[in-house]
């Protein structure tokens, strides 16, 4: 087996990636498949950090358009990401992958608080780290959180998985019809 190209990666999973063909929520078979793929990458010696979205459960910006206070709506979205993180953590642990969930908002009954040095220590030990609750700030997307956590974790690459894309492209194929699969 050849050595992996990257030592440490950050995988951004949109909430939509969890739902499969369902209208909302998550598809257990899809979550299991994602967990298995993460396990294979981790077993190659790659340190894996994951940022999860929550759009399969809640979209703060849409709730705000319907009259909900935007800050409150965004905090509800952060809670949705925690649900997804715990769902992924459970799927990973069921297949023997040691995992920690860290959150940007305080929910110590179910996850560790985000502490950069602790997250790096986990990664160095081969533990998969899942980051939830975005940056902990309203008006910020989980894509923003992925970029921030990737920099903080010194990840060599950010990979993004979403519901409607069937591979890795050089641009968003939903927006750029000339996008090519890498």
N, C-alpha and C. Protein backbone atom coordinates (compact mmCIF):
# COMPACT_ATOMS: atom_id res chain seq x y z
N UNK A 1 0.84 -1.17 0.00
CA UNK A 1 0.00 0.00 0.00
C UNK A 1 0.89 1.24 0.00
N UNK A 2 0.53 2.21 -0.82
CA UNK A 2 1.30 3.45 -0.86
C UNK A 2 0.91 4.34 0.32
N UNK A 3 1.83 5.20 0.69
CA UNK A 3 1.57 6.12 1.78
C UNK A 3 0.49 7.11 1.37
N UNK A 4 -0.37 7.50 2.30
CA UNK A 4 -1.40 8.48 1.97
C UNK A 4 -0.78 9.81 1.59
N UNK A 5 -1.47 10.54 0.74
CA UNK A 5 -0.99 11.83 0.27
C UNK A 5 -1.00 12.86 1.40
N UNK A 6 -1.99 12.75 2.29
CA UNK A 6 -2.14 13.74 3.36
C UNK A 6 -2.03 13.06 4.71
N UNK A 7 -1.44 13.77 5.66
CA UNK A 7 -1.33 13.27 7.03
C UNK A 7 -2.58 13.64 7.84
N UNK A 8 -3.10 14.85 7.62
CA UNK A 8 -4.27 15.32 8.37
C UNK A 8 -5.23 16.00 7.41
N UNK A 9 -6.49 15.58 7.47
CA UNK A 9 -7.51 16.16 6.60
C UNK A 9 -8.67 16.68 7.45
N UNK A 10 -9.41 17.59 6.85
CA UNK A 10 -10.68 18.00 7.42
C UNK A 10 -11.75 17.70 6.39
N UNK A 11 -12.72 16.93 6.80
CA UNK A 11 -13.85 16.56 5.95
C UNK A 11 -15.05 17.38 6.39
N UNK A 12 -15.64 18.12 5.47
CA UNK A 12 -16.86 18.89 5.75
C UNK A 12 -18.02 18.09 5.18
N UNK A 13 -18.91 17.66 6.06
CA UNK A 13 -20.11 16.93 5.65
C UNK A 13 -21.31 17.85 5.79
N UNK A 14 -21.96 18.13 4.69
CA UNK A 14 -23.18 18.93 4.79
C UNK A 14 -24.24 18.09 5.47
N UNK A 15 -25.20 18.75 6.09
CA UNK A 15 -26.31 18.01 6.68
C UNK A 15 -27.03 17.19 5.63
N UNK A 16 -27.10 17.72 4.42
CA UNK A 16 -27.77 16.99 3.33
C UNK A 16 -27.09 15.66 3.03
N UNK A 17 -25.79 15.56 3.28
CA UNK A 17 -25.09 14.30 3.03
C UNK A 17 -25.63 13.18 3.91
N UNK A 18 -26.22 13.52 5.05
CA UNK A 18 -26.74 12.53 5.99
C UNK A 18 -28.10 11.97 5.58
N UNK A 19 -28.85 12.70 4.78
CA UNK A 19 -30.23 12.32 4.55
C UNK A 19 -30.47 11.33 3.42
N UNK A 20 -29.45 11.09 2.60
CA UNK A 20 -29.68 10.18 1.48
C UNK A 20 -30.79 10.70 0.60
N UNK A 21 -31.76 9.86 0.31
CA UNK A 21 -32.89 10.28 -0.53
C UNK A 21 -34.09 10.76 0.28
N UNK A 22 -33.93 10.82 1.59
CA UNK A 22 -35.02 11.31 2.44
C UNK A 22 -35.18 12.81 2.29
N UNK A 23 -36.35 13.31 2.60
CA UNK A 23 -36.62 14.75 2.52
C UNK A 23 -35.91 15.50 3.65
N UNK A 24 -35.75 14.86 4.79
CA UNK A 24 -35.11 15.48 5.95
C UNK A 24 -34.60 14.37 6.85
N UNK A 25 -33.90 14.75 7.92
CA UNK A 25 -33.40 13.75 8.87
C UNK A 25 -32.16 13.07 8.33
N UNK A 26 -32.01 11.79 8.69
CA UNK A 26 -30.85 11.06 8.21
C UNK A 26 -31.24 9.64 7.84
N UNK A 27 -30.49 9.08 6.92
CA UNK A 27 -30.67 7.71 6.48
C UNK A 27 -29.58 6.88 7.16
N UNK A 28 -29.95 5.94 8.04
CA UNK A 28 -28.94 5.16 8.75
C UNK A 28 -27.95 4.45 7.83
N UNK A 29 -28.40 3.99 6.68
CA UNK A 29 -27.49 3.31 5.75
C UNK A 29 -26.46 4.29 5.19
N UNK A 30 -26.87 5.51 4.92
CA UNK A 30 -25.95 6.53 4.42
C UNK A 30 -24.94 6.89 5.49
N UNK A 31 -25.40 7.09 6.72
CA UNK A 31 -24.50 7.44 7.81
C UNK A 31 -23.50 6.30 8.04
N UNK A 32 -23.97 5.08 7.96
CA UNK A 32 -23.08 3.92 8.12
C UNK A 32 -22.03 3.87 7.01
N UNK A 33 -22.43 4.18 5.81
CA UNK A 33 -21.48 4.20 4.67
C UNK A 33 -20.43 5.30 4.87
N UNK A 34 -20.87 6.47 5.31
CA UNK A 34 -19.93 7.56 5.57
C UNK A 34 -18.94 7.13 6.66
N UNK A 35 -19.46 6.53 7.73
CA UNK A 35 -18.60 6.08 8.83
C UNK A 35 -17.58 5.06 8.34
N UNK A 36 -18.01 4.13 7.52
CA UNK A 36 -17.10 3.11 6.99
C UNK A 36 -16.00 3.74 6.14
N UNK A 37 -16.35 4.73 5.34
CA UNK A 37 -15.35 5.41 4.52
C UNK A 37 -14.36 6.17 5.39
N UNK A 38 -14.85 6.83 6.44
CA UNK A 38 -13.95 7.52 7.36
C UNK A 38 -13.03 6.52 8.04
N UNK A 39 -13.57 5.37 8.43
CA UNK A 39 -12.75 4.33 9.07
C UNK A 39 -11.62 3.90 8.15
N UNK A 40 -11.91 3.67 6.88
CA UNK A 40 -10.88 3.24 5.94
C UNK A 40 -9.77 4.29 5.81
N UNK A 41 -10.14 5.55 5.75
CA UNK A 41 -9.15 6.62 5.65
C UNK A 41 -8.32 6.67 6.93
N UNK A 42 -8.97 6.58 8.06
CA UNK A 42 -8.26 6.61 9.35
C UNK A 42 -7.30 5.43 9.48
N UNK A 43 -7.72 4.27 9.02
CA UNK A 43 -6.86 3.08 9.10
C UNK A 43 -5.62 3.19 8.21
N UNK A 44 -5.66 4.10 7.25
CA UNK A 44 -4.49 4.35 6.40
C UNK A 44 -3.46 5.21 7.12
N UNK A 45 -3.79 5.67 8.32
CA UNK A 45 -2.89 6.52 9.08
C UNK A 45 -3.16 8.00 8.92
N UNK A 46 -4.26 8.34 8.25
CA UNK A 46 -4.63 9.74 8.06
C UNK A 46 -5.39 10.20 9.30
N UNK A 47 -5.01 11.36 9.81
CA UNK A 47 -5.73 11.97 10.93
C UNK A 47 -6.95 12.67 10.36
N UNK A 48 -8.14 12.30 10.86
CA UNK A 48 -9.39 12.78 10.28
C UNK A 48 -10.15 13.66 11.25
N UNK A 49 -10.38 14.90 10.83
CA UNK A 49 -11.27 15.82 11.53
C UNK A 49 -12.48 16.03 10.64
N UNK A 50 -13.65 16.16 11.25
CA UNK A 50 -14.89 16.30 10.48
C UNK A 50 -15.68 17.49 11.03
N UNK A 51 -16.19 18.32 10.13
CA UNK A 51 -17.15 19.36 10.50
C UNK A 51 -18.47 18.96 9.88
N UNK A 52 -19.52 18.94 10.70
CA UNK A 52 -20.84 18.56 10.19
C UNK A 52 -21.77 19.76 10.11
N UNK A 53 -22.59 19.76 9.07
CA UNK A 53 -23.65 20.74 8.94
C UNK A 53 -24.93 20.20 9.57
N UNK A 54 -25.99 20.98 9.50
CA UNK A 54 -27.26 20.56 10.09
C UNK A 54 -28.45 20.79 9.20
N UNK A 55 -28.21 21.07 7.91
CA UNK A 55 -29.29 21.43 7.00
C UNK A 55 -30.32 20.34 6.74
N UNK A 56 -30.01 19.12 7.09
CA UNK A 56 -30.99 18.04 6.96
C UNK A 56 -32.04 18.11 8.06
N UNK A 57 -31.76 18.90 9.10
CA UNK A 57 -32.67 19.03 10.23
C UNK A 57 -33.23 20.44 10.34
N UNK A 58 -32.37 21.44 10.14
CA UNK A 58 -32.76 22.83 10.39
C UNK A 58 -31.94 23.77 9.54
N UNK A 59 -32.56 24.83 9.05
CA UNK A 59 -31.85 25.87 8.31
C UNK A 59 -32.21 27.21 8.94
N UNK A 60 -31.26 27.77 9.68
CA UNK A 60 -31.50 29.01 10.40
C UNK A 60 -31.90 30.16 9.51
N UNK A 61 -31.23 30.31 8.36
CA UNK A 61 -31.52 31.43 7.47
C UNK A 61 -32.96 31.34 6.95
N UNK A 62 -33.43 30.13 6.66
CA UNK A 62 -34.80 29.96 6.18
C UNK A 62 -35.81 30.25 7.29
N UNK A 63 -35.51 29.81 8.50
CA UNK A 63 -36.40 30.11 9.63
C UNK A 63 -36.48 31.61 9.84
N UNK A 64 -35.37 32.30 9.68
CA UNK A 64 -35.35 33.76 9.84
C UNK A 64 -36.19 34.42 8.76
N UNK A 65 -36.14 33.89 7.54
CA UNK A 65 -36.97 34.45 6.46
C UNK A 65 -38.46 34.32 6.78
N UNK A 66 -38.79 33.32 7.59
CA UNK A 66 -40.19 33.09 7.97
C UNK A 66 -40.56 33.80 9.27
N UNK A 67 -39.70 34.72 9.72
CA UNK A 67 -40.06 35.56 10.85
C UNK A 67 -39.38 35.25 12.17
N UNK A 68 -38.61 34.16 12.23
CA UNK A 68 -37.93 33.84 13.48
C UNK A 68 -36.72 34.76 13.64
N UNK A 69 -36.41 35.12 14.87
CA UNK A 69 -35.22 35.91 15.14
C UNK A 69 -34.01 35.17 14.58
N UNK A 70 -33.18 35.83 13.79
CA UNK A 70 -32.07 35.18 13.10
C UNK A 70 -31.05 34.57 14.07
N UNK A 71 -30.74 35.25 15.12
CA UNK A 71 -29.76 34.71 16.06
C UNK A 71 -30.30 33.44 16.70
N UNK A 72 -31.55 33.46 17.13
CA UNK A 72 -32.18 32.27 17.71
C UNK A 72 -32.23 31.14 16.69
N UNK A 73 -32.57 31.46 15.47
CA UNK A 73 -32.64 30.45 14.40
C UNK A 73 -31.26 29.83 14.15
N UNK A 74 -30.22 30.64 14.17
CA UNK A 74 -28.88 30.11 13.96
C UNK A 74 -28.44 29.21 15.11
N UNK A 75 -28.80 29.57 16.34
CA UNK A 75 -28.47 28.70 17.47
C UNK A 75 -29.21 27.37 17.36
N UNK A 76 -30.44 27.39 16.89
CA UNK A 76 -31.17 26.14 16.66
C UNK A 76 -30.43 25.30 15.62
N UNK A 77 -29.88 25.95 14.59
CA UNK A 77 -29.09 25.24 13.58
C UNK A 77 -27.84 24.61 14.18
N UNK A 78 -27.23 25.31 15.12
CA UNK A 78 -26.06 24.74 15.80
C UNK A 78 -26.44 23.46 16.54
N UNK A 79 -27.60 23.46 17.15
CA UNK A 79 -28.07 22.25 17.83
C UNK A 79 -28.29 21.11 16.83
N UNK A 80 -28.77 21.45 15.64
CA UNK A 80 -28.95 20.43 14.60
C UNK A 80 -27.61 19.79 14.23
N UNK A 81 -26.55 20.59 14.18
CA UNK A 81 -25.24 20.01 13.86
C UNK A 81 -24.77 19.07 14.96
N UNK A 82 -25.13 19.37 16.19
CA UNK A 82 -24.76 18.48 17.29
C UNK A 82 -25.47 17.14 17.16
N UNK A 83 -26.73 17.17 16.76
CA UNK A 83 -27.46 15.92 16.51
C UNK A 83 -26.74 15.10 15.45
N UNK A 84 -26.34 15.74 14.36
CA UNK A 84 -25.63 15.03 13.29
C UNK A 84 -24.27 14.50 13.77
N UNK A 85 -23.58 15.30 14.57
CA UNK A 85 -22.28 14.86 15.08
C UNK A 85 -22.42 13.63 15.96
N UNK A 86 -23.42 13.62 16.83
CA UNK A 86 -23.63 12.47 17.70
C UNK A 86 -24.07 11.24 16.90
N UNK A 87 -24.84 11.46 15.85
CA UNK A 87 -25.26 10.37 14.98
C UNK A 87 -24.05 9.75 14.29
N UNK A 88 -23.16 10.59 13.77
CA UNK A 88 -21.95 10.10 13.11
C UNK A 88 -21.02 9.44 14.13
N UNK A 89 -20.88 10.04 15.30
CA UNK A 89 -20.03 9.45 16.34
C UNK A 89 -20.52 8.05 16.68
N UNK A 90 -21.80 7.89 16.84
CA UNK A 90 -22.36 6.58 17.17
C UNK A 90 -22.05 5.56 16.07
N UNK A 91 -22.24 5.97 14.82
CA UNK A 91 -21.97 5.06 13.69
C UNK A 91 -20.49 4.67 13.65
N UNK A 92 -19.60 5.61 13.90
CA UNK A 92 -18.17 5.32 13.91
C UNK A 92 -17.80 4.38 15.06
N UNK A 93 -18.32 4.65 16.23
CA UNK A 93 -17.99 3.82 17.38
C UNK A 93 -18.53 2.40 17.23
N UNK A 94 -19.66 2.24 16.56
CA UNK A 94 -20.21 0.90 16.33
C UNK A 94 -19.30 0.04 15.46
N UNK A 95 -18.46 0.68 14.66
CA UNK A 95 -17.53 -0.08 13.81
C UNK A 95 -16.10 0.01 14.33
N UNK A 96 -15.96 0.39 15.59
CA UNK A 96 -14.67 0.34 16.25
C UNK A 96 -13.75 1.52 16.06
N UNK A 97 -14.28 2.67 15.66
CA UNK A 97 -13.46 3.86 15.46
C UNK A 97 -13.58 4.75 16.70
N UNK A 98 -12.46 5.00 17.36
CA UNK A 98 -12.48 5.89 18.50
C UNK A 98 -12.74 7.30 18.01
N UNK A 99 -13.69 7.96 18.64
CA UNK A 99 -14.19 9.24 18.15
C UNK A 99 -14.46 10.19 19.31
N UNK A 100 -14.25 11.47 19.07
CA UNK A 100 -14.63 12.51 20.02
C UNK A 100 -15.40 13.58 19.26
N UNK A 101 -16.47 14.04 19.88
CA UNK A 101 -17.20 15.19 19.35
C UNK A 101 -16.86 16.39 20.22
N UNK A 102 -16.50 17.48 19.55
CA UNK A 102 -16.26 18.74 20.24
C UNK A 102 -17.23 19.78 19.67
N UNK A 103 -17.76 20.60 20.56
CA UNK A 103 -18.73 21.60 20.12
C UNK A 103 -18.28 23.01 20.47
N UNK A 104 -18.72 23.94 19.63
CA UNK A 104 -18.39 25.35 19.83
C UNK A 104 -19.34 26.02 20.81
N UNK A 105 -20.41 25.33 21.21
CA UNK A 105 -21.28 25.81 22.29
C UNK A 105 -21.27 24.75 23.38
N UNK A 106 -21.53 25.15 24.57
CA UNK A 106 -21.36 24.29 25.74
C UNK A 106 -22.52 23.29 25.89
N UNK A 107 -22.23 22.03 25.67
CA UNK A 107 -23.18 20.93 25.90
C UNK A 107 -22.39 19.76 26.48
N UNK A 108 -21.76 19.99 27.61
CA UNK A 108 -20.80 19.03 28.17
C UNK A 108 -21.42 17.70 28.56
N UNK A 109 -22.72 17.60 28.64
CA UNK A 109 -23.36 16.31 28.94
C UNK A 109 -23.22 15.33 27.78
N UNK A 110 -23.01 15.86 26.56
CA UNK A 110 -22.96 14.98 25.38
C UNK A 110 -21.69 15.09 24.56
N UNK A 111 -20.89 16.13 24.78
CA UNK A 111 -19.69 16.33 23.95
C UNK A 111 -18.69 17.20 24.69
N UNK A 112 -17.45 17.11 24.24
CA UNK A 112 -16.40 17.96 24.79
C UNK A 112 -16.55 19.38 24.25
N UNK A 113 -16.13 20.37 25.03
CA UNK A 113 -16.05 21.71 24.46
C UNK A 113 -14.91 21.75 23.44
N UNK A 114 -15.03 22.64 22.45
CA UNK A 114 -13.94 22.76 21.48
C UNK A 114 -12.74 23.37 22.18
N UNK A 115 -11.66 22.61 22.21
CA UNK A 115 -10.37 23.08 22.71
C UNK A 115 -9.34 22.64 21.67
N UNK A 116 -8.74 23.61 21.01
CA UNK A 116 -7.82 23.33 19.91
C UNK A 116 -6.75 22.31 20.28
N UNK A 117 -6.05 22.53 21.35
CA UNK A 117 -4.94 21.64 21.72
C UNK A 117 -5.43 20.23 22.02
N UNK A 118 -6.60 20.10 22.63
CA UNK A 118 -7.15 18.78 22.90
C UNK A 118 -7.53 18.09 21.58
N UNK A 119 -8.11 18.84 20.66
CA UNK A 119 -8.47 18.26 19.36
C UNK A 119 -7.23 17.76 18.63
N UNK A 120 -6.17 18.55 18.63
CA UNK A 120 -4.93 18.12 17.97
C UNK A 120 -4.36 16.89 18.65
N UNK A 121 -4.40 16.85 19.97
CA UNK A 121 -3.92 15.68 20.70
C UNK A 121 -4.71 14.43 20.32
N UNK A 122 -6.03 14.56 20.22
CA UNK A 122 -6.86 13.43 19.79
C UNK A 122 -6.44 12.96 18.40
N UNK A 123 -6.30 13.90 17.48
CA UNK A 123 -5.92 13.55 16.11
C UNK A 123 -4.58 12.82 16.07
N UNK A 124 -3.62 13.32 16.83
CA UNK A 124 -2.30 12.69 16.86
C UNK A 124 -2.35 11.26 17.40
N UNK A 125 -3.36 10.96 18.20
CA UNK A 125 -3.55 9.60 18.74
C UNK A 125 -4.38 8.73 17.81
N UNK A 126 -4.78 9.26 16.65
CA UNK A 126 -5.58 8.49 15.70
C UNK A 126 -7.07 8.50 15.99
N UNK A 127 -7.49 9.38 16.87
CA UNK A 127 -8.91 9.51 17.20
C UNK A 127 -9.56 10.46 16.19
N UNK A 128 -10.69 10.06 15.63
CA UNK A 128 -11.44 10.93 14.73
C UNK A 128 -12.13 11.99 15.57
N UNK A 129 -12.00 13.25 15.16
CA UNK A 129 -12.61 14.36 15.89
C UNK A 129 -13.71 14.97 15.02
N UNK A 130 -14.90 15.06 15.60
CA UNK A 130 -16.04 15.67 14.91
C UNK A 130 -16.32 17.02 15.57
N UNK A 131 -16.35 18.07 14.76
CA UNK A 131 -16.64 19.40 15.26
C UNK A 131 -18.09 19.75 14.95
N UNK A 132 -18.80 20.20 15.98
CA UNK A 132 -20.21 20.55 15.83
C UNK A 132 -20.45 21.97 16.32
N UNK A 133 -21.62 22.49 16.02
CA UNK A 133 -22.08 23.83 16.41
C UNK A 133 -21.34 24.94 15.68
N UNK A 134 -20.81 24.62 14.51
CA UNK A 134 -20.17 25.64 13.69
C UNK A 134 -19.05 26.34 14.42
N UNK A 135 -19.04 27.67 14.32
CA UNK A 135 -18.05 28.46 15.05
C UNK A 135 -18.57 28.88 16.42
N UNK A 136 -19.85 28.58 16.68
CA UNK A 136 -20.49 29.02 17.92
C UNK A 136 -21.07 30.41 17.80
N UNK A 137 -21.02 30.98 16.60
CA UNK A 137 -21.51 32.33 16.38
C UNK A 137 -22.63 32.34 15.34
N UNK A 138 -23.69 33.12 15.59
CA UNK A 138 -24.72 33.25 14.56
C UNK A 138 -24.17 33.95 13.33
N UNK A 139 -24.85 33.81 12.23
CA UNK A 139 -24.52 34.43 10.94
C UNK A 139 -23.33 33.78 10.25
N UNK A 140 -22.78 32.72 10.80
CA UNK A 140 -21.65 32.02 10.21
C UNK A 140 -22.11 30.63 9.76
N UNK A 141 -21.70 30.22 8.57
CA UNK A 141 -22.08 28.91 8.06
C UNK A 141 -21.12 27.84 8.58
N UNK A 142 -21.53 26.60 8.43
CA UNK A 142 -20.63 25.51 8.81
C UNK A 142 -19.49 25.38 7.80
N UNK A 143 -19.65 25.90 6.60
CA UNK A 143 -18.52 25.96 5.68
C UNK A 143 -17.44 26.91 6.23
N UNK A 144 -17.87 28.02 6.82
CA UNK A 144 -16.93 28.93 7.48
C UNK A 144 -16.23 28.20 8.61
N UNK A 145 -17.00 27.45 9.40
CA UNK A 145 -16.41 26.69 10.51
C UNK A 145 -15.40 25.67 9.99
N UNK A 146 -15.70 25.04 8.87
CA UNK A 146 -14.77 24.06 8.29
C UNK A 146 -13.45 24.72 7.92
N UNK A 147 -13.52 25.88 7.30
CA UNK A 147 -12.29 26.59 6.93
C UNK A 147 -11.50 26.99 8.18
N UNK A 148 -12.20 27.50 9.18
CA UNK A 148 -11.55 27.91 10.42
C UNK A 148 -10.91 26.71 11.13
N UNK A 149 -11.67 25.63 11.30
CA UNK A 149 -11.13 24.45 11.99
C UNK A 149 -9.97 23.83 11.20
N UNK A 150 -10.05 23.85 9.90
CA UNK A 150 -8.95 23.31 9.09
C UNK A 150 -7.66 24.08 9.34
N UNK A 151 -7.76 25.39 9.40
CA UNK A 151 -6.58 26.21 9.69
C UNK A 151 -6.07 25.92 11.09
N UNK A 152 -6.99 25.88 12.06
CA UNK A 152 -6.60 25.65 13.45
C UNK A 152 -5.98 24.27 13.65
N UNK A 153 -6.48 23.27 12.92
CA UNK A 153 -5.98 21.90 13.05
C UNK A 153 -4.76 21.66 12.17
N UNK A 154 -4.39 22.64 11.37
CA UNK A 154 -3.29 22.52 10.43
C UNK A 154 -3.52 21.37 9.46
N UNK A 155 -4.77 21.25 9.02
CA UNK A 155 -5.12 20.24 8.02
C UNK A 155 -4.47 20.59 6.69
N UNK A 156 -4.09 19.57 5.97
CA UNK A 156 -3.43 19.79 4.68
C UNK A 156 -4.42 19.98 3.55
N UNK A 157 -5.66 19.54 3.78
CA UNK A 157 -6.68 19.66 2.75
C UNK A 157 -8.05 19.66 3.41
N UNK A 158 -9.00 20.36 2.77
CA UNK A 158 -10.40 20.33 3.18
C UNK A 158 -11.16 19.63 2.07
N UNK A 159 -11.89 18.60 2.45
CA UNK A 159 -12.73 17.86 1.50
C UNK A 159 -14.18 18.09 1.90
N UNK A 160 -15.04 18.32 0.91
CA UNK A 160 -16.44 18.62 1.22
C UNK A 160 -17.34 17.59 0.56
N UNK A 161 -18.25 17.04 1.37
CA UNK A 161 -19.23 16.09 0.85
C UNK A 161 -20.62 16.67 1.06
N UNK A 162 -21.39 16.65 0.00
CA UNK A 162 -22.76 17.14 0.06
C UNK A 162 -23.66 16.14 -0.64
N UNK A 163 -24.93 16.34 -0.51
CA UNK A 163 -25.93 15.37 -0.98
C UNK A 163 -25.95 15.16 -2.49
N UNK A 164 -25.86 16.20 -3.26
CA UNK A 164 -26.10 16.10 -4.69
C UNK A 164 -24.85 16.02 -5.55
N UNK A 165 -23.72 15.66 -4.98
CA UNK A 165 -22.48 15.60 -5.74
C UNK A 165 -21.91 14.19 -5.63
N UNK A 166 -21.50 13.63 -6.77
CA UNK A 166 -21.09 12.22 -6.82
C UNK A 166 -19.58 12.02 -6.92
N UNK A 167 -18.81 12.98 -6.47
CA UNK A 167 -17.36 12.84 -6.52
C UNK A 167 -16.70 14.15 -6.13
N UNK A 168 -15.41 14.22 -6.37
CA UNK A 168 -14.65 15.43 -6.07
C UNK A 168 -14.45 16.19 -7.37
N UNK A 169 -14.82 17.46 -7.37
CA UNK A 169 -14.76 18.31 -8.55
C UNK A 169 -13.84 19.49 -8.31
N UNK A 170 -13.42 20.12 -9.40
CA UNK A 170 -12.57 21.31 -9.28
C UNK A 170 -13.39 22.57 -9.03
N UNK A 171 -14.71 22.46 -9.06
CA UNK A 171 -15.63 23.56 -8.77
C UNK A 171 -16.98 22.94 -8.40
N UNK A 172 -17.90 23.75 -7.93
CA UNK A 172 -19.22 23.25 -7.57
C UNK A 172 -20.00 22.90 -8.83
N UNK A 173 -20.27 21.61 -9.08
CA UNK A 173 -20.96 21.23 -10.31
C UNK A 173 -22.41 21.70 -10.35
N UNK A 174 -22.98 22.07 -9.22
CA UNK A 174 -24.34 22.60 -9.20
C UNK A 174 -24.38 24.04 -9.72
N UNK A 175 -23.25 24.74 -9.58
CA UNK A 175 -23.19 26.14 -10.00
C UNK A 175 -22.36 26.34 -11.27
N UNK A 176 -21.41 25.45 -11.50
CA UNK A 176 -20.50 25.59 -12.64
C UNK A 176 -20.59 24.33 -13.50
N UNK A 177 -21.30 24.43 -14.60
CA UNK A 177 -21.54 23.25 -15.45
C UNK A 177 -20.29 22.78 -16.18
N UNK A 178 -19.22 23.58 -16.14
CA UNK A 178 -17.96 23.15 -16.72
C UNK A 178 -17.06 22.46 -15.69
N UNK A 179 -17.56 22.28 -14.46
CA UNK A 179 -16.77 21.63 -13.41
C UNK A 179 -16.40 20.22 -13.84
N UNK A 180 -15.17 19.84 -13.52
CA UNK A 180 -14.67 18.52 -13.92
C UNK A 180 -14.33 17.70 -12.69
N UNK A 181 -14.64 16.41 -12.77
CA UNK A 181 -14.29 15.49 -11.70
C UNK A 181 -12.77 15.35 -11.63
N UNK A 182 -12.25 15.38 -10.43
CA UNK A 182 -10.81 15.24 -10.26
C UNK A 182 -10.49 13.77 -10.11
